[in-house]
Each structure stands twice: as structure tokens, then as C-alpha cells.
Protein backbone atom coordinates (compact mmCIF):
# COMPACT_ATOMS: atom_id res chain seq x y z
CA MET A 1 0.00 0.00 0.00
CA LYS A 2 1.28 3.45 -0.94
CA LYS A 3 2.22 5.83 1.86
CA ASN A 4 -0.17 8.79 2.09
CA ILE A 5 1.39 12.26 2.42
CA LEU A 6 -0.32 15.60 3.07
CA VAL A 7 1.36 18.65 1.52
CA LEU A 8 0.43 22.11 2.86
CA ASP A 9 1.64 25.29 1.12
CA ASP A 10 -0.07 28.53 0.14
CA SER A 11 1.91 28.63 -3.14
CA PRO A 12 0.26 26.77 -6.07
CA PHE A 13 3.70 26.43 -7.66
CA MET A 14 5.17 24.73 -4.56
CA LEU A 15 2.14 22.46 -4.17
CA ASP A 16 2.49 21.31 -7.77
CA LEU A 17 6.29 20.94 -7.55
CA ILE A 18 6.29 18.86 -4.36
CA GLY A 19 3.23 16.90 -5.47
CA GLN A 20 4.89 15.87 -8.73
CA ILE A 21 8.08 14.83 -6.91
CA LEU A 22 6.11 12.67 -4.47
CA LYS A 23 3.98 11.08 -7.19
CA ARG A 24 7.11 10.16 -9.16
CA ALA A 25 8.35 8.46 -5.97
CA ASP A 26 5.07 6.48 -5.83
CA TYR A 27 3.43 8.22 -2.85
CA GLU A 28 -0.24 9.14 -2.51
CA VAL A 29 -0.52 12.93 -2.26
CA THR A 30 -3.15 15.25 -0.79
CA ALA A 31 -2.36 18.91 -1.58
CA VAL A 32 -3.94 21.72 0.50
CA ASP A 33 -3.30 25.47 0.25
CA ASN A 34 -4.37 26.64 3.74
CA GLY A 35 -4.02 25.49 7.33
CA MET A 36 -7.72 25.32 8.22
CA ASP A 37 -8.53 22.93 5.39
CA ALA A 38 -5.40 20.93 6.15
CA CYS A 39 -6.52 20.49 9.78
CA GLN A 40 -9.85 19.12 8.59
CA LYS A 41 -8.06 16.67 6.30
CA VAL A 42 -5.88 15.42 9.17
CA LYS A 43 -8.96 14.91 11.36
CA THR A 44 -10.67 12.71 8.78
CA THR A 45 -7.82 10.99 6.93
CA ARG A 46 -4.89 8.86 8.05
CA PHE A 47 -1.60 10.28 6.76
CA ASP A 48 1.83 8.68 7.08
CA LEU A 49 3.64 12.02 6.91
CA ILE A 50 3.00 15.75 6.48
CA ILE A 51 5.06 18.32 4.57
CA THR A 52 4.17 21.92 5.47
CA ASP A 53 5.50 25.37 4.69
CA LEU A 54 6.54 27.38 7.75
CA ASN A 55 5.49 30.89 6.67
CA MET A 56 1.91 31.14 5.38
CA PRO A 57 -0.85 33.77 5.73
CA GLY A 58 -3.52 33.05 8.31
CA MET A 59 -2.47 29.81 10.00
CA ASP A 60 1.29 29.36 9.62
CA GLY A 61 3.19 26.09 9.87
CA LEU A 62 3.80 26.43 13.60
CA GLU A 63 0.13 26.89 14.47
CA PHE A 64 -0.83 24.09 12.09
CA THR A 65 1.65 21.77 13.81
CA ARG A 66 0.31 22.76 17.25
CA GLN A 67 -3.19 21.85 16.12
CA VAL A 68 -2.14 18.54 14.56
CA ARG A 69 -0.30 17.44 17.72
CA THR A 70 -3.60 17.65 19.66
CA TYR A 71 -5.45 15.21 17.39
CA PRO A 72 -5.78 11.51 18.35
CA GLY A 73 -3.01 9.41 16.84
CA CYS A 74 -1.04 12.44 15.62
CA ARG A 75 1.28 13.10 18.57
CA PHE A 76 4.21 11.43 16.79
CA LEU A 77 3.08 11.85 13.16
CA PRO A 78 6.21 12.75 11.13
CA ILE A 79 6.15 16.37 9.98
CA ILE A 80 8.65 17.91 7.56
CA MET A 81 8.72 21.72 7.52
CA ILE A 82 9.87 23.96 4.67
CA SER A 83 11.71 26.96 6.10
CA GLY A 84 13.56 30.01 4.81
CA GLU A 85 17.13 31.01 5.60
CA LYS A 86 16.11 33.61 8.23
CA ASP A 87 13.72 31.48 10.28
CA ASP A 88 16.13 30.34 13.01
CA GLU A 89 13.87 31.31 15.92
CA LYS A 90 10.80 29.67 14.40
CA VAL A 91 12.81 26.58 13.48
CA ALA A 92 13.90 26.25 17.12
CA ILE A 93 10.25 26.40 18.21
CA ALA A 94 9.28 23.82 15.57
CA LYS A 95 11.98 21.43 16.80
CA LYS A 96 10.54 21.58 20.31
CA MET A 97 7.16 20.67 18.82
CA GLY A 98 8.59 17.48 17.36
CA VAL A 99 9.05 18.46 13.70
CA SER A 100 11.09 15.65 12.13
CA THR A 101 13.32 17.72 9.84
CA PHE A 102 13.47 20.84 7.67
CA LEU A 103 13.77 21.58 3.95
CA SER A 104 15.13 24.82 2.51
CA LYS A 105 14.07 26.42 -0.76
CA PRO A 106 14.75 25.77 -3.57
CA ILE A 107 13.41 22.25 -3.07
CA GLN A 108 15.67 19.47 -4.37
CA GLU A 109 13.99 16.27 -5.56
CA GLU A 110 16.73 13.89 -4.43
CA GLN A 111 16.83 15.54 -1.00
CA ILE A 112 13.09 14.99 -0.47
CA LYS A 113 13.32 11.38 -1.63
CA ALA A 114 16.24 10.65 0.70
CA ILE A 115 14.55 12.21 3.73
CA LEU A 116 11.30 10.32 3.11
CA GLU A 117 13.22 7.08 2.75
CA ILE A 118 14.93 7.66 6.09
CA ILE A 119 11.76 8.61 7.96
CA LEU A 120 9.28 6.14 6.45
CA ASN A 121 11.35 3.11 5.52
CA LYS A 122 11.53 1.44 8.95
CA ARG A 123 8.18 2.40 10.49
CA MET A 124 6.34 -0.86 9.70
CA THR A 125 7.72 -3.05 12.50
CA PRO A 126 5.95 -2.67 15.88
CA ARG A 127 8.00 -1.22 18.72
CA ILE A 128 7.84 -2.82 22.16
CA PRO A 129 8.27 -0.69 25.32
CA ILE A 130 11.59 -1.98 26.62
CA LYS A 131 14.02 -0.23 28.94
CA MET A 132 17.56 -1.53 28.61
CA GLN A 133 21.03 -0.04 28.51
CA VAL A 134 22.42 0.95 25.15
CA PHE A 135 25.80 2.42 24.19
CA TYR A 136 26.27 4.55 21.08
CA ARG A 137 28.79 6.74 19.28
CA LYS A 138 29.38 8.30 15.87
CA ASN A 139 30.91 6.00 13.26
CA GLY A 140 34.63 6.53 12.92
CA SER A 141 34.93 8.27 16.29
CA PHE A 142 37.57 7.12 18.78
CA SER A 143 35.74 8.63 21.73
CA GLU A 144 34.10 6.48 24.38
CA PHE A 145 30.60 5.17 23.89
CA ILE A 146 27.76 7.25 25.36
CA SER A 147 25.54 5.28 27.73
CA SER A 148 21.77 5.69 27.88
CA HIS A 149 18.55 3.63 27.91
CA THR A 150 16.02 2.62 25.30
CA VAL A 151 12.35 3.61 25.49
CA ASN A 152 11.23 1.08 22.89
CA VAL A 153 12.83 -1.50 20.59
CA SER A 154 11.81 -3.40 17.46
CA LEU A 155 13.52 -5.39 14.72
CA GLY A 156 13.49 -2.15 12.71
CA GLY A 157 15.05 0.16 15.27
CA LEU A 158 14.84 1.72 18.72
CA PHE A 159 14.30 4.97 20.59
CA ILE A 160 17.08 6.23 22.89
CA GLU A 161 16.25 8.59 25.73
CA THR A 162 18.72 11.50 25.78
CA ASP A 163 18.76 15.29 26.21
CA GLU A 164 21.47 15.55 23.54
CA PRO A 165 20.24 13.69 20.44
CA PHE A 166 22.34 13.50 17.29
CA PRO A 167 21.03 15.22 14.11
CA LEU A 168 18.70 13.50 11.67
CA GLY A 169 20.48 11.21 9.23
CA GLU A 170 23.50 10.67 11.51
CA ASN A 171 24.94 7.14 11.44
CA LEU A 172 25.77 5.70 14.86
CA GLU A 173 27.48 2.58 16.12
CA LEU A 174 25.31 0.80 18.71
CA LYS A 175 25.93 -1.74 21.43
CA LEU A 176 22.79 -3.24 22.98
CA SER A 177 23.19 -4.86 26.38
CA LEU A 178 20.86 -7.89 26.51
CA PRO A 179 20.35 -9.71 29.83
CA ASP A 180 22.22 -13.03 30.07
CA SER A 181 23.71 -12.62 26.60
CA ASN A 182 26.61 -11.05 24.79
CA PRO A 183 25.80 -7.51 23.58
CA ILE A 184 24.54 -6.92 20.04
CA ILE A 185 26.83 -4.69 17.98
CA CYS A 186 25.14 -2.95 15.05
CA GLN A 187 24.65 0.37 13.29
CA GLY A 188 21.66 2.69 13.13
CA ARG A 189 20.60 5.94 11.48
CA VAL A 190 18.80 8.75 13.32
CA VAL A 191 15.35 9.05 11.71
CA TRP A 192 13.50 11.30 14.19
CA VAL A 193 14.35 13.54 17.11
CA ILE A 194 12.45 14.92 20.09
CA SER A 195 14.27 17.87 21.64
CA PRO A 196 13.84 18.58 25.38
CA LEU A 197 11.43 21.39 26.29
CA PRO A 198 12.66 24.12 28.66
CA SER A 199 9.76 23.31 31.02
CA GLY A 200 10.63 19.62 31.04
CA ASN A 201 6.99 18.76 30.33
CA ASN A 202 7.55 16.56 27.27
CA GLU A 203 4.66 14.22 26.55
CA HIS A 204 7.31 11.83 25.21
CA PRO A 205 10.83 11.74 26.65
CA PRO A 206 13.44 13.67 24.69
CA GLY A 207 15.71 11.55 22.57
CA MET A 208 16.18 10.07 19.12
CA GLY A 209 14.65 7.26 17.10
CA LEU A 210 17.10 5.12 15.13
CA ALA A 211 16.49 2.69 12.27
CA PHE A 212 18.84 -0.29 12.11
CA HIS A 213 20.73 -0.54 8.83
CA LYS A 214 23.40 -3.09 9.77
CA LEU A 215 21.89 -5.68 12.12
CA GLN A 216 23.68 -9.02 11.78
CA ASP A 217 22.25 -10.49 15.01
CA GLU A 218 18.61 -10.08 13.98
CA LYS A 219 17.70 -13.60 15.18
CA LYS A 220 19.16 -12.93 18.62
CA LEU A 221 17.21 -9.68 18.92
CA GLN A 222 14.03 -11.33 17.65
CA LYS A 223 14.35 -14.08 20.26
CA PHE A 224 14.89 -11.49 22.99
CA LEU A 225 11.84 -9.47 21.92
CA GLN A 226 9.65 -12.57 21.85
CA PHE A 227 10.84 -14.43 24.94
CA GLY A 228 13.20 -12.21 26.94
CA ASN A 229 12.59 -10.88 30.44
CA TRP A 230 12.35 -7.28 29.30
CA LYS A 231 9.15 -5.99 30.91
CA TYR A 232 9.27 -2.26 31.70
């Protein structure tokens, strides 16, 4: 089944441009030119991802994102925001609201395709709420591993709780500490980030979601997820 993407932009040119790029990549596309109509679409239709402009008349991208985050099932819906070069303050606010990543104009087709592949490719496997120790570091780095804990784990990836997440698209080396077993060594790519709020009132803990892209011990992890003593 094709992934369904909502595109919100007040520019007919941008709606057509992004829509054509997504259709060539075999996505279903719903194009909307204002925030109010887009909110109604999100309330009545299941989308796998949203692409929205940041600066629009009436309801801008920030207010649209605030509204979407209040709808059932949309708290963690991936949102990509199109921002200009002078939107640093608004971009910082959007990050705190859980926007997955940002695109700058002019839009590049290969860039959009790559970002969508990263965000959507590994979202089909269910994640199980597991808290276990995990060590991670950037590939090629000689520094010590950073230690933290997972929030959830699946055969497709995991979410690491941390106040200092790495940027989207970063490749990390991972070491998963399984009870009564040798650790699993693998690699993962950061596919979504939740930045900590100044108030500390995150609905979801701050951290980063990673998709596995080099997991040689898949059978060991699968056995652990099915039969291990991992209850939260």
C-alpha cells in the first residue's frame, strides 16, 4: 500500500512541484493550500507524513503543527517543515514541537526522496516498550561510547532517551546490552528527534529514534523481543 502524504503550502507552484516529486516516488498525495482545510483533512484521513510550509498567511506552519499534535493518533506523526534562511527562531520552536526535519528552498527532488526514505522506511515493524542499557557513538569516532537507555525496541530500530540527540540522518554505532547474553553490535541511522522542552513537560521523553541498517544479530534480537525478560 502506498504511503499517504499531506502537503500544505499557500503557493500553487510549490504544491504542484512537491506533489509531482512525491507522485514520481510512488506516494499518494493530498495537496492543500491553507491550514484550516489541512486540519480538517488530518482529522478525517490517516496520513503517514506531512510536509508543510513554515510561513503562510492566516495559519502558519507552527500553528498548524500545534493543532495537529492535539489530534488523536497524531502526537508522533512525522512532519517535515519547509523553512527560509532567516527562520532560526521559528525553526527552534518547531523542533521543540517534534518536527522531524526541515527543507530549505529551492526544493531538491533527491533531497526529499532521501529524507522520506529515512523517515518512512523502517516504520512498519511494531516497537515494544523496553528499557535496557544501550551504548552509542558516531561511526569513525575514537571517543568512548555514550551510555543511555532505550524507550522502545523493534527489529526495525529503537528509541534512545537522551537530552542531547544526534542530528537526523547521523549514522551511529550501537551496542545493545541484553540480559544473560553477549551484547549486540550494530549500526543505526537517526530518523526522528524529540528535543527537550525548557519546562521539562515533554509528553514523550526527549531523545532520538534510530532505524537499524546493519543488524547481523537479527535472530538474537528477535528471540529477545519474543521471549526475553524485558518488561518495563
